[in-house]
Amino acid sequence: MKAAVYYGPGDMRIEERRKPQPGVDGAVVKVKDCGVCSFIDVPGWE
C-alpha cells in the first residue's frame, strides 16, 4: 500500500508499505479522502 510518511518540517514522502494487520481488538480502515487546511495545517508543515 502507499503511505504518506511525515519525517519532519517540509519532509513528507509517499512510500510503499506493507498492509497493516489488526491486533486482537483492533481494526484497519481505508482512508478514501484527506484534506489540508491552509490556514491551520500549512504553517506547521513549513
Protein backbone atom coordinates (compact mmCIF):
# COMPACT_ATOMS: atom_id res chain seq x y z
CA MET A 1 0.00 0.00 0.00
CA LYS A 2 1.09 3.60 -0.40
CA ALA A 3 1.51 5.79 2.68
CA ALA A 4 2.28 9.48 3.19
CA VAL A 5 5.05 9.47 5.82
CA TYR A 6 5.91 12.67 7.70
CA TYR A 7 9.58 12.89 8.68
CA GLY A 8 9.67 16.50 9.85
CA PRO A 9 9.01 20.08 8.72
CA GLY A 10 8.97 20.21 4.91
CA ASP A 11 9.73 16.49 4.57
CA MET A 12 6.78 14.26 3.68
CA ARG A 13 7.24 11.31 1.33
CA ILE A 14 4.95 8.83 -0.39
CA GLU A 15 6.30 5.35 0.34
CA GLU A 16 5.28 1.76 -0.32
CA ARG A 17 4.46 -0.02 2.96
CA ARG A 18 3.18 -3.45 3.95
CA LYS A 19 -0.53 -3.59 4.64
CA PRO A 20 -1.01 -3.48 8.43
CA GLN A 21 -2.65 -6.35 10.27
CA PRO A 22 -5.15 -5.52 13.03
CA GLY A 23 -4.46 -6.62 16.58
CA VAL A 24 -6.88 -8.69 18.67
CA ASP A 25 -9.12 -5.69 19.48
CA GLY A 26 -8.04 -3.56 16.51
CA ALA A 27 -9.20 -2.66 13.03
CA VAL A 28 -7.61 -1.47 9.80
CA VAL A 29 -9.51 1.28 7.99
CA LYS A 30 -9.09 2.57 4.46
CA VAL A 31 -8.87 6.36 4.11
CA LYS A 32 -10.60 7.42 0.91
CA ASP A 33 -10.07 11.20 1.07
CA CYS A 34 -7.99 13.63 3.09
CA GLY A 35 -7.61 17.39 3.12
CA VAL A 36 -5.25 20.05 4.43
CA CYS A 37 -6.48 23.36 5.83
CA SER A 38 -4.11 26.04 4.54
CA PHE A 39 -4.73 28.37 7.49
CA ILE A 40 -4.08 25.85 10.27
CA ASP A 41 -2.05 22.92 8.89
CA VAL A 42 0.35 24.54 6.41
CA PRO A 43 2.28 26.73 8.92
CA GLY A 44 3.14 23.59 10.92
CA TRP A 45 4.22 21.84 7.73
CA GLU A 46 6.58 24.68 6.78
